[in-house]
Amino acid sequence: MINPACWFEIYVNDIDRAKKFYQTVFNTTLTRLDTPDSSMQMWVFSSDMQRYGATGTLVQMQGIQAGGNSTVVYFTSDDCAIEAARIEQANGKIHMPKTSIGEYGNIVLGIDTEGNIFGIHSMA
């Protein structure tokens, strides 16, 4: 049996603003992906295909509006409070501060600069 999640796409209205937000919160660099459609931009999160977990992209595409969706992508963290401290600094909002989910660790829910909700999970 394989893990059900293998990829994610976060649709955005302003790719530069969204890229800056996620790079700041997660202290990472996103890399541009070549796409066959010039009306689309995709920037991928760093990944190692030999390790556990899924990777994905930020996507700006004509006809697709960000926000108002029901998809929540959870990012892995050593301590979700670290990234949570960067959310407002990166012009996002805290939807739910670090909260225990019992034996399954802790989560934070944030809202990015595009109105998308996202989660951060850690065992600490």
PDB file of N, CA and C in Angstrom:
ATOM      1  N   MET A   1       0.841  -1.178   0.000  1.00  0.00           N
ATOM      2  CA  MET A   1       0.000   0.000   0.000  1.00  0.00           C
ATOM      3  C   MET A   1       0.887   1.242   0.000  1.00  0.00           C
ATOM      4  N   ILE A   2       0.528   2.235  -0.800  1.00  0.00           N
ATOM      5  CA  ILE A   2       1.309   3.462  -0.867  1.00  0.00           C
ATOM      6  C   ILE A   2       0.597   4.592  -0.134  1.00  0.00           C
ATOM      7  N   ASN A   3       1.347   5.643   0.176  1.00  0.00           N
ATOM      8  CA  ASN A   3       0.735   6.819   0.794  1.00  0.00           C
ATOM      9  C   ASN A   3      -0.185   7.483  -0.222  1.00  0.00           C
ATOM     10  N   PRO A   4      -1.389   7.896   0.172  1.00  0.00           N
ATOM     11  CA  PRO A   4      -2.340   8.427  -0.793  1.00  0.00           C
ATOM     12  C   PRO A   4      -1.982   9.794  -1.364  1.00  0.00           C
ATOM     13  N   ALA A   5      -1.277  10.610  -0.625  1.00  0.00           N
ATOM     14  CA  ALA A   5      -0.910  11.934  -1.148  1.00  0.00           C
ATOM     15  C   ALA A   5       0.448  11.845  -1.842  1.00  0.00           C
ATOM     16  N   CYS A   6       0.497  12.319  -3.080  1.00  0.00           N
ATOM     17  CA  CYS A   6       1.765  12.259  -3.802  1.00  0.00           C
ATOM     18  C   CYS A   6       2.165  13.613  -4.366  1.00  0.00           C
ATOM     19  N   TRP A   7       1.290  14.609  -4.307  1.00  0.00           N
ATOM     20  CA  TRP A   7       1.566  15.903  -4.923  1.00  0.00           C
ATOM     21  C   TRP A   7       0.560  16.906  -4.407  1.00  0.00           C
ATOM     22  N   PHE A   8       0.899  18.158  -4.439  1.00  0.00           N
ATOM     23  CA  PHE A   8      -0.095  19.186  -4.146  1.00  0.00           C
ATOM     24  C   PHE A   8       0.142  20.380  -5.045  1.00  0.00           C
ATOM     25  N   GLU A   9      -0.908  21.116  -5.299  1.00  0.00           N
ATOM     26  CA  GLU A   9      -0.834  22.370  -6.038  1.00  0.00           C
ATOM     27  C   GLU A   9      -1.638  23.402  -5.268  1.00  0.00           C
ATOM     28  N   ILE A  10      -1.023  24.536  -4.999  1.00  0.00           N
ATOM     29  CA  ILE A  10      -1.689  25.637  -4.320  1.00  0.00           C
ATOM     30  C   ILE A  10      -1.886  26.723  -5.371  1.00  0.00           C
ATOM     31  N   TYR A  11      -3.123  26.967  -5.736  1.00  0.00           N
ATOM     32  CA  TYR A  11      -3.410  27.958  -6.772  1.00  0.00           C
ATOM     33  C   TYR A  11      -3.386  29.363  -6.170  1.00  0.00           C
ATOM     34  N   VAL A  12      -2.745  30.281  -6.866  1.00  0.00           N
ATOM     35  CA  VAL A  12      -2.523  31.631  -6.364  1.00  0.00           C
ATOM     36  C   VAL A  12      -2.909  32.658  -7.420  1.00  0.00           C
ATOM     37  N   ASN A  13      -3.144  33.888  -6.977  1.00  0.00           N
ATOM     38  CA  ASN A  13      -3.443  34.989  -7.895  1.00  0.00           C
ATOM     39  C   ASN A  13      -2.198  35.809  -8.220  1.00  0.00           C
ATOM     40  N   ASP A  14      -1.261  35.906  -7.284  1.00  0.00           N
ATOM     41  CA  ASP A  14      -0.039  36.684  -7.462  1.00  0.00           C
ATOM     42  C   ASP A  14       1.144  35.772  -7.124  1.00  0.00           C
ATOM     43  N   ILE A  15       1.759  35.201  -8.142  1.00  0.00           N
ATOM     44  CA  ILE A  15       2.809  34.200  -7.934  1.00  0.00           C
ATOM     45  C   ILE A  15       4.001  34.760  -7.175  1.00  0.00           C
ATOM     46  N   ASP A  16       4.392  35.999  -7.463  1.00  0.00           N
ATOM     47  CA  ASP A  16       5.545  36.576  -6.767  1.00  0.00           C
ATOM     48  C   ASP A  16       5.262  36.767  -5.284  1.00  0.00           C
ATOM     49  N   ARG A  17       4.082  37.277  -4.958  1.00  0.00           N
ATOM     50  CA  ARG A  17       3.694  37.480  -3.563  1.00  0.00           C
ATOM     51  C   ARG A  17       3.604  36.137  -2.833  1.00  0.00           C
ATOM     52  N   ALA A  18       2.981  35.135  -3.448  1.00  0.00           N
ATOM     53  CA  ALA A  18       2.833  33.819  -2.823  1.00  0.00           C
ATOM     54  C   ALA A  18       4.185  33.129  -2.649  1.00  0.00           C
ATOM     55  N   LYS A  19       5.026  33.240  -3.658  1.00  0.00           N
ATOM     56  CA  LYS A  19       6.358  32.628  -3.580  1.00  0.00           C
ATOM     57  C   LYS A  19       7.145  33.235  -2.419  1.00  0.00           C
ATOM     58  N   LYS A  20       7.111  34.548  -2.293  1.00  0.00           N
ATOM     59  CA  LYS A  20       7.813  35.226  -1.198  1.00  0.00           C
ATOM     60  C   LYS A  20       7.268  34.759   0.147  1.00  0.00           C
ATOM     61  N   PHE A  21       5.948  34.624   0.264  1.00  0.00           N
ATOM     62  CA  PHE A  21       5.324  34.179   1.506  1.00  0.00           C
ATOM     63  C   PHE A  21       5.835  32.792   1.916  1.00  0.00           C
ATOM     64  N   TYR A  22       5.732  31.818   1.033  1.00  0.00           N
ATOM     65  CA  TYR A  22       6.128  30.445   1.378  1.00  0.00           C
ATOM     66  C   TYR A  22       7.631  30.309   1.579  1.00  0.00           C
ATOM     67  N   GLN A  23       8.414  31.030   0.813  1.00  0.00           N
ATOM     68  CA  GLN A  23       9.873  30.995   1.008  1.00  0.00           C
ATOM     69  C   GLN A  23      10.236  31.574   2.376  1.00  0.00           C
ATOM     70  N   THR A  24       9.533  32.625   2.805  1.00  0.00           N
ATOM     71  CA  THR A  24       9.806  33.243   4.098  1.00  0.00           C
ATOM     72  C   THR A  24       9.364  32.349   5.246  1.00  0.00           C
ATOM     73  N   VAL A  25       8.133  31.848   5.198  1.00  0.00           N
ATOM     74  CA  VAL A  25       7.606  31.041   6.298  1.00  0.00           C
ATOM     75  C   VAL A  25       8.411  29.756   6.486  1.00  0.00           C
ATOM     76  N   PHE A  26       8.765  29.077   5.391  1.00  0.00           N
ATOM     77  CA  PHE A  26       9.441  27.786   5.492  1.00  0.00           C
ATOM     78  C   PHE A  26      10.943  27.870   5.256  1.00  0.00           C
ATOM     79  N   ASN A  27      11.472  29.094   5.146  1.00  0.00           N
ATOM     80  CA  ASN A  27      12.916  29.296   5.005  1.00  0.00           C
ATOM     81  C   ASN A  27      13.496  28.385   3.927  1.00  0.00           C
ATOM     82  N   THR A  28      12.900  28.466   2.732  1.00  0.00           N
ATOM     83  CA  THR A  28      13.282  27.606   1.615  1.00  0.00           C
ATOM     84  C   THR A  28      13.302  28.416   0.328  1.00  0.00           C
ATOM     85  N   THR A  29      13.710  27.785  -0.736  1.00  0.00           N
ATOM     86  CA  THR A  29      13.702  28.403  -2.057  1.00  0.00           C
ATOM     87  C   THR A  29      12.861  27.546  -2.989  1.00  0.00           C
ATOM     88  N   LEU A  30      11.932  28.173  -3.685  1.00  0.00           N
ATOM     89  CA  LEU A  30      11.143  27.474  -4.693  1.00  0.00           C
ATOM     90  C   LEU A  30      11.834  27.638  -6.038  1.00  0.00           C
ATOM     91  N   THR A  31      11.702  26.629  -6.899  1.00  0.00           N
ATOM     92  CA  THR A  31      12.352  26.612  -8.202  1.00  0.00           C
ATOM     93  C   THR A  31      11.294  26.586  -9.295  1.00  0.00           C
ATOM     94  N   ARG A  32      11.505  27.388 -10.325  1.00  0.00           N
ATOM     95  CA  ARG A  32      10.544  27.447 -11.424  1.00  0.00           C
ATOM     96  C   ARG A  32      10.545  26.134 -12.208  1.00  0.00           C
ATOM     97  N   LEU A  33       9.350  25.643 -12.536  1.00  0.00           N
ATOM     98  CA  LEU A  33       9.192  24.467 -13.380  1.00  0.00           C
ATOM     99  C   LEU A  33       8.825  24.918 -14.786  1.00  0.00           C
ATOM    100  N   ASP A  34       9.383  24.278 -15.779  1.00  0.00           N
ATOM    101  CA  ASP A  34       8.973  24.541 -17.152  1.00  0.00           C
ATOM    102  C   ASP A  34       7.576  23.963 -17.351  1.00  0.00           C
ATOM    103  N   THR A  35       6.711  24.718 -18.038  1.00  0.00           N
ATOM    104  CA  THR A  35       5.356  24.250 -18.319  1.00  0.00           C
ATOM    105  C   THR A  35       5.087  24.366 -19.812  1.00  0.00           C
ATOM    106  N   PRO A  36       4.274  23.480 -20.345  1.00  0.00           N
ATOM    107  CA  PRO A  36       3.967  23.537 -21.784  1.00  0.00           C
ATOM    108  C   PRO A  36       3.018  24.686 -22.127  1.00  0.00           C
ATOM    109  N   ASP A  37       2.382  25.271 -21.131  1.00  0.00           N
ATOM    110  CA  ASP A  37       1.386  26.322 -21.336  1.00  0.00           C
ATOM    111  C   ASP A  37       1.945  27.646 -20.820  1.00  0.00           C
ATOM    112  N   SER A  38       2.131  28.623 -21.701  1.00  0.00           N
ATOM    113  CA  SER A  38       2.733  29.898 -21.314  1.00  0.00           C
ATOM    114  C   SER A  38       1.819  30.737 -20.426  1.00  0.00           C
ATOM    115  N   SER A  39       0.537  30.369 -20.308  1.00  0.00           N
ATOM    116  CA  SER A  39      -0.364  31.123 -19.433  1.00  0.00           C
ATOM    117  C   SER A  39      -0.292  30.621 -17.990  1.00  0.00           C
ATOM    118  N   MET A  40       0.630  29.707 -17.705  1.00  0.00           N
ATOM    119  CA  MET A  40       0.744  29.100 -16.389  1.00  0.00           C
ATOM    120  C   MET A  40       2.171  29.252 -15.872  1.00  0.00           C
ATOM    121  N   GLN A  41       2.291  29.571 -14.591  1.00  0.00           N
ATOM    122  CA  GLN A  41       3.593  29.554 -13.922  1.00  0.00           C
ATOM    123  C   GLN A  41       3.521  28.553 -12.781  1.00  0.00           C
ATOM    124  N   MET A  42       4.569  27.755 -12.620  1.00  0.00           N
ATOM    125  CA  MET A  42       4.646  26.798 -11.520  1.00  0.00           C
ATOM    126  C   MET A  42       6.006  26.924 -10.843  1.00  0.00           C
ATOM    127  N   TRP A  43       5.981  26.977  -9.521  1.00  0.00           N
ATOM    128  CA  TRP A  43       7.194  27.041  -8.710  1.00  0.00           C
ATOM    129  C   TRP A  43       7.140  25.899  -7.709  1.00  0.00           C
ATOM    130  N   VAL A  44       8.107  24.998  -7.755  1.00  0.00           N
ATOM    131  CA  VAL A  44       8.092  23.774  -6.952  1.00  0.00           C
ATOM    132  C   VAL A  44       8.857  23.949  -5.641  1.00  0.00           C
ATOM    133  N   PHE A  45       8.333  23.312  -4.594  1.00  0.00           N
ATOM    134  CA  PHE A  45       9.012  23.252  -3.310  1.00  0.00           C
ATOM    135  C   PHE A  45      10.172  22.267  -3.422  1.00  0.00           C
ATOM    136  N   SER A  46      11.216  22.489  -2.640  1.00  0.00           N
ATOM    137  CA  SER A  46      12.359  21.572  -2.619  1.00  0.00           C
ATOM    138  C   SER A  46      11.894  20.186  -2.224  1.00  0.00           C
ATOM    139  N   SER A  47      12.544  19.171  -2.778  1.00  0.00           N
ATOM    140  CA  SER A  47      12.146  17.810  -2.433  1.00  0.00           C
ATOM    141  C   SER A  47      13.299  16.839  -2.628  1.00  0.00           C
ATOM    142  N   ASP A  48      13.133  15.678  -2.019  1.00  0.00           N
ATOM    143  CA  ASP A  48      14.046  14.558  -2.170  1.00  0.00           C
ATOM    144  C   ASP A  48      13.164  13.342  -2.411  1.00  0.00           C
ATOM    145  N   MET A  49      13.132  12.867  -3.648  1.00  0.00           N
ATOM    146  CA  MET A  49      12.216  11.787  -4.020  1.00  0.00           C
ATOM    147  C   MET A  49      12.523  10.466  -3.297  1.00  0.00           C
ATOM    148  N   GLN A  50      13.667  10.378  -2.617  1.00  0.00           N
ATOM    149  CA  GLN A  50      14.024   9.166  -1.889  1.00  0.00           C
ATOM    150  C   GLN A  50      13.537   9.195  -0.437  1.00  0.00           C
ATOM    151  N   ARG A  51      12.917  10.307  -0.017  1.00  0.00           N
ATOM    152  CA  ARG A  51      12.467  10.446   1.363  1.00  0.00           C
ATOM    153  C   ARG A  51      10.946  10.451   1.426  1.00  0.00           C
ATOM    154  N   TYR A  52      10.426  10.221   2.611  1.00  0.00           N
ATOM    155  CA  TYR A  52       8.989  10.200   2.872  1.00  0.00           C
ATOM    156  C   TYR A  52       8.374  11.577   2.648  1.00  0.00           C
ATOM    157  N   GLY A  53       7.178  11.603   2.135  1.00  0.00           N
ATOM    158  CA  GLY A  53       6.432  12.843   2.006  1.00  0.00           C
ATOM    159  C   GLY A  53       6.181  13.219   0.563  1.00  0.00           C
ATOM    160  N   ALA A  54       5.306  14.177   0.375  1.00  0.00           N
ATOM    161  CA  ALA A  54       4.930  14.635  -0.960  1.00  0.00           C
ATOM    162  C   ALA A  54       5.513  16.013  -1.209  1.00  0.00           C
ATOM    163  N   THR A  55       5.715  16.334  -2.460  1.00  0.00           N
ATOM    164  CA  THR A  55       6.081  17.690  -2.833  1.00  0.00           C
ATOM    165  C   THR A  55       5.011  18.245  -3.748  1.00  0.00           C
ATOM    166  N   GLY A  56       5.141  19.493  -4.100  1.00  0.00           N
ATOM    167  CA  GLY A  56       4.145  20.114  -4.955  1.00  0.00           C
ATOM    168  C   GLY A  56       4.557  21.507  -5.357  1.00  0.00           C
ATOM    169  N   THR A  57       3.607  22.259  -5.907  1.00  0.00           N
ATOM    170  CA  THR A  57       3.921  23.554  -6.482  1.00  0.00           C
ATOM    171  C   THR A  57       2.918  24.628  -6.094  1.00  0.00           C
ATOM    172  N   LEU A  58       3.364  25.868  -6.274  1.00  0.00           N
ATOM    173  CA  LEU A  58       2.452  27.002  -6.346  1.00  0.00           C
ATOM    174  C   LEU A  58       2.108  27.129  -7.817  1.00  0.00           C
ATOM    175  N   VAL A  59       0.864  27.422  -8.151  1.00  0.00           N
ATOM    176  CA  VAL A  59       0.438  27.520  -9.554  1.00  0.00           C
ATOM    177  C   VAL A  59      -0.364  28.793  -9.757  1.00  0.00           C
ATOM    178  N   GLN A  60       0.016  29.557 -10.775  1.00  0.00           N
ATOM    179  CA  GLN A  60      -0.816  30.682 -11.217  1.00  0.00           C
ATOM    180  C   GLN A  60      -1.254  30.353 -12.630  1.00  0.00           C
ATOM    181  N   MET A  61      -2.588  30.251 -12.833  1.00  0.00           N
ATOM    182  CA  MET A  61      -3.119  29.862 -14.125  1.00  0.00           C
ATOM    183  C   MET A  61      -4.354  30.705 -14.434  1.00  0.00           C
ATOM    184  N   GLN A  62      -4.452  31.142 -15.662  1.00  0.00           N
ATOM    185  CA  GLN A  62      -5.610  31.918 -16.078  1.00  0.00           C
ATOM    186  C   GLN A  62      -6.884  31.116 -15.849  1.00  0.00           C
ATOM    187  N   GLY A  63      -7.895  31.780 -15.304  1.00  0.00           N
ATOM    188  CA  GLY A  63      -9.182  31.135 -15.095  1.00  0.00           C
ATOM    189  C   GLY A  63      -9.338  30.430 -13.763  1.00  0.00           C
ATOM    190  N   ILE A  64      -8.277  30.323 -12.981  1.00  0.00           N
ATOM    191  CA  ILE A  64      -8.342  29.671 -11.672  1.00  0.00           C
ATOM    192  C   ILE A  64      -8.049  30.715 -10.604  1.00  0.00           C
ATOM    193  N   GLN A  65      -9.010  30.953  -9.710  1.00  0.00           N
ATOM    194  CA  GLN A  65      -8.846  31.923  -8.636  1.00  0.00           C
ATOM    195  C   GLN A  65      -8.442  31.222  -7.346  1.00  0.00           C
ATOM    196  N   ALA A  66      -7.600  31.867  -6.571  1.00  0.00           N
ATOM    197  CA  ALA A  66      -7.142  31.332  -5.289  1.00  0.00           C
ATOM    198  C   ALA A  66      -8.173  31.583  -4.192  1.00  0.00           C
ATOM    199  N   GLY A  67      -8.005  30.890  -3.085  1.00  0.00           N
ATOM    200  CA  GLY A  67      -8.822  31.112  -1.899  1.00  0.00           C
ATOM    201  C   GLY A  67     -10.192  30.471  -2.019  1.00  0.00           C
ATOM    202  N   GLY A  68     -10.903  30.462  -0.902  1.00  0.00           N
ATOM    203  CA  GLY A  68     -12.259  29.943  -0.887  1.00  0.00           C
ATOM    204  C   GLY A  68     -12.345  28.466  -1.183  1.00  0.00           C
ATOM    205  N   ASN A  69     -11.265  27.742  -0.986  1.00  0.00           N
ATOM    206  CA  ASN A  69     -11.296  26.306  -1.277  1.00  0.00           C
ATOM    207  C   ASN A  69     -11.319  25.506   0.012  1.00  0.00           C
ATOM    208  N   SER A  70     -11.473  24.215  -0.108  1.00  0.00           N
ATOM    209  CA  SER A  70     -11.525  23.379   1.082  1.00  0.00           C
ATOM    210  C   SER A  70     -10.341  22.420   1.165  1.00  0.00           C
ATOM    211  N   THR A  71      -9.302  22.677   0.406  1.00  0.00           N
ATOM    212  CA  THR A  71      -8.113  21.837   0.446  1.00  0.00           C
ATOM    213  C   THR A  71      -7.129  22.389   1.464  1.00  0.00           C
ATOM    214  N   VAL A  72      -6.645  21.537   2.352  1.00  0.00           N
ATOM    215  CA  VAL A  72      -5.624  21.948   3.309  1.00  0.00           C
ATOM    216  C   VAL A  72      -4.403  21.066   3.094  1.00  0.00           C
ATOM    217  N   VAL A  73      -3.304  21.688   2.768  1.00  0.00           N
ATOM    218  CA  VAL A  73      -2.037  20.989   2.619  1.00  0.00           C
ATOM    219  C   VAL A  73      -1.280  21.157   3.932  1.00  0.00           C
ATOM    220  N   TYR A  74      -0.778  20.058   4.494  1.00  0.00           N
ATOM    221  CA  TYR A  74       0.006  20.123   5.728  1.00  0.00           C
ATOM    222  C   TYR A  74       1.484  19.955   5.399  1.00  0.00           C
ATOM    223  N   PHE A  75       2.286  20.877   5.894  1.00  0.00           N
ATOM    224  CA  PHE A  75       3.732  20.831   5.746  1.00  0.00           C
ATOM    225  C   PHE A  75       4.332  20.245   7.014  1.00  0.00           C
ATOM    226  N   THR A  76       5.383  19.459   6.874  1.00  0.00           N
ATOM    227  CA  THR A  76       6.064  18.841   8.001  1.00  0.00           C
ATOM    228  C   THR A  76       7.048  19.828   8.619  1.00  0.00           C
ATOM    229  N   SER A  77       7.185  19.759   9.934  1.00  0.00           N
ATOM    230  CA  SER A  77       8.058  20.665  10.666  1.00  0.00           C
ATOM    231  C   SER A  77       8.639  19.949  11.874  1.00  0.00           C
ATOM    232  N   ASP A  78       9.794  20.406  12.337  1.00  0.00           N
ATOM    233  CA  ASP A  78      10.338  19.893  13.592  1.00  0.00           C
ATOM    234  C   ASP A  78       9.538  20.449  14.772  1.00  0.00           C
ATOM    235  N   ASP A  79       9.142  21.719  14.673  1.00  0.00           N
ATOM    236  CA  ASP A  79       8.308  22.378  15.675  1.00  0.00           C
ATOM    237  C   ASP A  79       7.490  23.440  14.955  1.00  0.00           C
ATOM    238  N   CYS A  80       6.209  23.204  14.791  1.00  0.00           N
ATOM    239  CA  CYS A  80       5.361  24.089  13.985  1.00  0.00           C
ATOM    240  C   CYS A  80       5.293  25.518  14.525  1.00  0.00           C
ATOM    241  N   ALA A  81       5.685  25.740  15.771  1.00  0.00           N
ATOM    242  CA  ALA A  81       5.715  27.096  16.324  1.00  0.00           C
ATOM    243  C   ALA A  81       6.758  27.960  15.622  1.00  0.00           C
ATOM    244  N   ILE A  82       7.819  27.344  15.103  1.00  0.00           N
ATOM    245  CA  ILE A  82       8.876  28.099  14.418  1.00  0.00           C
ATOM    246  C   ILE A  82       8.327  28.755  13.158  1.00  0.00           C
ATOM    247  N   GLU A  83       7.668  27.962  12.304  1.00  0.00           N
ATOM    248  CA  GLU A  83       7.085  28.516  11.080  1.00  0.00           C
ATOM    249  C   GLU A  83       5.910  29.434  11.397  1.00  0.00           C
ATOM    250  N   ALA A  84       5.142  29.104  12.423  1.00  0.00           N
ATOM    251  CA  ALA A  84       4.002  29.945  12.807  1.00  0.00           C
ATOM    252  C   ALA A  84       4.464  31.358  13.140  1.00  0.00           C
ATOM    253  N   ALA A  85       5.623  31.475  13.765  1.00  0.00           N
ATOM    254  CA  ALA A  85       6.154  32.792  14.125  1.00  0.00           C
ATOM    255  C   ALA A  85       6.479  33.628  12.891  1.00  0.00           C
ATOM    256  N   ARG A  86       6.638  32.991  11.745  1.00  0.00           N
ATOM    257  CA  ARG A  86       6.983  33.711  10.519  1.00  0.00           C
ATOM    258  C   ARG A  86       5.765  34.070   9.667  1.00  0.00           C
ATOM    259  N   ILE A  87       4.604  33.524   9.960  1.00  0.00           N
ATOM    260  CA  ILE A  87       3.432  33.700   9.097  1.00  0.00           C
ATOM    261  C   ILE A  87       3.020  35.167   8.983  1.00  0.00           C
ATOM    262  N   GLU A  88       2.800  35.834  10.104  1.00  0.00           N
ATOM    263  CA  GLU A  88       2.380  37.237  10.042  1.00  0.00           C
ATOM    264  C   GLU A  88       3.497  38.131   9.524  1.00  0.00           C
ATOM    265  N   GLN A  89       4.727  37.795   9.843  1.00  0.00           N
ATOM    266  CA  GLN A  89       5.897  38.529   9.330  1.00  0.00           C
ATOM    267  C   GLN A  89       5.921  38.481   7.801  1.00  0.00           C
ATOM    268  N   ALA A  90       5.395  37.400   7.212  1.00  0.00           N
ATOM    269  CA  ALA A  90       5.368  37.232   5.752  1.00  0.00           C
ATOM    270  C   ALA A  90       4.035  37.699   5.160  1.00  0.00           C
ATOM    271  N   ASN A  91       3.253  38.465   5.932  1.00  0.00           N
ATOM    272  CA  ASN A  91       1.973  39.044   5.503  1.00  0.00           C
ATOM    273  C   ASN A  91       0.830  38.038   5.403  1.00  0.00           C
ATOM    274  N   GLY A  92       0.951  36.919   6.108  1.00  0.00           N
ATOM    275  CA  GLY A  92      -0.149  35.971   6.206  1.00  0.00           C
ATOM    276  C   GLY A  92      -0.877  36.164   7.526  1.00  0.00           C
ATOM    277  N   LYS A  93      -1.762  35.224   7.853  1.00  0.00           N
ATOM    278  CA  LYS A  93      -2.531  35.298   9.095  1.00  0.00           C
ATOM    279  C   LYS A  93      -2.517  33.935   9.782  1.00  0.00           C
ATOM    280  N   ILE A  94      -2.535  33.963  11.100  1.00  0.00           N
ATOM    281  CA  ILE A  94      -2.688  32.743  11.885  1.00  0.00           C
ATOM    282  C   ILE A  94      -4.184  32.467  11.995  1.00  0.00           C
ATOM    283  N   HIS A  95      -4.619  31.320  11.513  1.00  0.00           N
ATOM    284  CA  HIS A  95      -6.018  30.920  11.643  1.00  0.00           C
ATOM    285  C   HIS A  95      -6.214  30.171  12.964  1.00  0.00           C
ATOM    286  N   MET A  96      -5.245  29.316  13.309  1.00  0.00           N
ATOM    287  CA  MET A  96      -5.265  28.587  14.566  1.00  0.00           C
ATOM    288  C   MET A  96      -3.826  28.442  15.042  1.00  0.00           C
ATOM    289  N   PRO A  97      -3.499  28.956  16.233  1.00  0.00           N
ATOM    290  CA  PRO A  97      -2.126  28.823  16.729  1.00  0.00           C
ATOM    291  C   PRO A  97      -1.789  27.368  17.034  1.00  0.00           C
ATOM    292  N   LYS A  98      -0.552  27.125  17.395  1.00  0.00           N
ATOM    293  CA  LYS A  98      -0.100  25.764  17.707  1.00  0.00           C
ATOM    294  C   LYS A  98      -1.074  25.112  18.681  1.00  0.00           C
ATOM    295  N   THR A  99      -1.594  23.958  18.248  1.00  0.00           N
ATOM    296  CA  THR A  99      -2.625  23.245  19.000  1.00  0.00           C
ATOM    297  C   THR A  99      -2.277  21.767  19.042  1.00  0.00           C
ATOM    298  N   SER A 100      -2.404  21.174  20.196  1.00  0.00           N
ATOM    299  CA  SER A 100      -2.143  19.745  20.349  1.00  0.00           C
ATOM    300  C   SER A 100      -3.243  18.935  19.677  1.00  0.00           C
ATOM    301  N   ILE A 101      -2.824  17.878  18.987  1.00  0.00           N
ATOM    302  CA  ILE A 101      -3.784  16.905  18.470  1.00  0.00           C
ATOM    303  C   ILE A 101      -3.494  15.545  19.125  1.00  0.00           C
ATOM    304  N   GLY A 102      -3.129  15.640  20.416  1.00  0.00           N
ATOM    305  CA  GLY A 102      -2.897  14.451  21.230  1.00  0.00           C
ATOM    306  C   GLY A 102      -1.661  13.681  20.798  1.00  0.00           C
ATOM    307  N   GLU A 103      -1.788  12.381  20.738  1.00  0.00           N
ATOM    308  CA  GLU A 103      -0.649  11.524  20.404  1.00  0.00           C
ATOM    309  C   GLU A 103      -0.121  11.756  18.989  1.00  0.00           C
ATOM    310  N   TYR A 104      -0.867  12.505  18.176  1.00  0.00           N
ATOM    311  CA  TYR A 104      -0.466  12.744  16.790  1.00  0.00           C
ATOM    312  C   TYR A 104       0.342  14.017  16.624  1.00  0.00           C
ATOM    313  N   GLY A 105       0.659  14.705  17.719  1.00  0.00           N
ATOM    314  CA  GLY A 105       1.523  15.865  17.652  1.00  0.00           C
ATOM    315  C   GLY A 105       0.776  17.180  17.774  1.00  0.00           C
ATOM    316  N   ASN A 106       1.214  18.158  16.976  1.00  0.00           N
ATOM    317  CA  ASN A 106       0.671  19.516  17.026  1.00  0.00           C
ATOM    318  C   ASN A 106       0.479  20.047  15.619  1.00  0.00           C
ATOM    319  N   ILE A 107      -0.468  20.975  15.488  1.00  0.00           N
ATOM    320  CA  ILE A 107      -0.683  21.620  14.195  1.00  0.00           C
ATOM    321  C   ILE A 107      -0.865  23.121  14.372  1.00  0.00           C
ATOM    322  N   VAL A 108      -0.600  23.829  13.306  1.00  0.00           N
ATOM    323  CA  VAL A 108      -0.893  25.249  13.170  1.00  0.00           C
ATOM    324  C   VAL A 108      -1.664  25.378  11.865  1.00  0.00           C
ATOM    325  N   LEU A 109      -2.686  26.226  11.830  1.00  0.00           N
ATOM    326  CA  LEU A 109      -3.350  26.546  10.576  1.00  0.00           C
ATOM    327  C   LEU A 109      -3.095  28.010  10.259  1.00  0.00           C
ATOM    328  N   GLY A 110      -2.643  28.267   9.049  1.00  0.00           N
ATOM    329  CA  GLY A 110      -2.369  29.620   8.607  1.00  0.00           C
ATOM    330  C   GLY A 110      -3.145  29.942   7.346  1.00  0.00           C
ATOM    331  N   ILE A 111      -3.193  31.228   7.026  1.00  0.00           N
ATOM    332  CA  ILE A 111      -3.794  31.681   5.775  1.00  0.00           C
ATOM    333  C   ILE A 111      -2.716  32.452   5.034  1.00  0.00           C
ATOM    334  N   ASP A 112      -2.435  32.020   3.804  1.00  0.00           N
ATOM    335  CA  ASP A 112      -1.360  32.652   3.036  1.00  0.00           C
ATOM    336  C   ASP A 112      -1.818  33.975   2.425  1.00  0.00           C
ATOM    337  N   THR A 113      -0.942  34.617   1.694  1.00  0.00           N
ATOM    338  CA  THR A 113      -1.228  35.919   1.095  1.00  0.00           C
ATOM    339  C   THR A 113      -2.279  35.841   0.001  1.00  0.00           C
ATOM    340  N   GLU A 114      -2.635  34.630  -0.442  1.00  0.00           N
ATOM    341  CA  GLU A 114      -3.623  34.442  -1.499  1.00  0.00           C
ATOM    342  C   GLU A 114      -4.982  34.023  -0.959  1.00  0.00           C
ATOM    343  N   GLY A 115      -5.096  33.890   0.372  1.00  0.00           N
ATOM    344  CA  GLY A 115      -6.363  33.482   0.986  1.00  0.00           C
ATOM    345  C   GLY A 115      -6.505  31.979   1.149  1.00  0.00           C
ATOM    346  N   ASN A 116      -5.448  31.216   0.850  1.00  0.00           N
ATOM    347  CA  ASN A 116      -5.480  29.763   1.013  1.00  0.00           C
ATOM    348  C   ASN A 116      -5.148  29.384   2.451  1.00  0.00           C
ATOM    349  N   ILE A 117      -5.886  28.432   3.011  1.00  0.00           N
ATOM    350  CA  ILE A 117      -5.556  27.907   4.319  1.00  0.00           C
ATOM    351  C   ILE A 117      -4.550  26.774   4.132  1.00  0.00           C
ATOM    352  N   PHE A 118      -3.596  26.678   5.050  1.00  0.00           N
ATOM    353  CA  PHE A 118      -2.598  25.605   4.994  1.00  0.00           C
ATOM    354  C   PHE A 118      -2.264  25.202   6.417  1.00  0.00           C
ATOM    355  N   GLY A 119      -1.752  23.993   6.573  1.00  0.00           N
ATOM    356  CA  GLY A 119      -1.413  23.495   7.888  1.00  0.00           C
ATOM    357  C   GLY A 119       0.075  23.212   8.030  1.00  0.00           C
ATOM    358  N   ILE A 120       0.534  23.235   9.275  1.00  0.00           N
ATOM    359  CA  ILE A 120       1.908  22.850   9.594  1.00  0.00           C
ATOM    360  C   ILE A 120       1.786  21.821  10.713  1.00  0.00           C
ATOM    361  N   HIS A 121       2.446  20.676  10.557  1.00  0.00           N
ATOM    362  CA  HIS A 121       2.377  19.591  11.539  1.00  0.00           C
ATOM    363  C   HIS A 121       3.751  19.315  12.100  1.00  0.00           C
ATOM    364  N   SER A 122       3.796  19.048  13.401  1.00  0.00           N
ATOM    365  CA  SER A 122       5.039  18.602  14.033  1.00  0.00           C
ATOM    366  C   SER A 122       4.684  17.687  15.194  1.00  0.00           C
ATOM    367  N   MET A 123       5.625  16.852  15.558  1.00  0.00           N
ATOM    368  CA  MET A 123       5.442  16.006  16.729  1.00  0.00           C
ATOM    369  C   MET A 123       5.791  16.778  18.000  1.00  0.00           C
ATOM    370  N   ALA A 124       6.613  17.803  17.872  1.00  0.00           N
ATOM    371  CA  ALA A 124       7.014  18.619  19.035  1.00  0.00           C
ATOM    372  C   ALA A 124       6.024  19.738  19.271  1.00  0.00           C
TER     373      ALA A 124
END
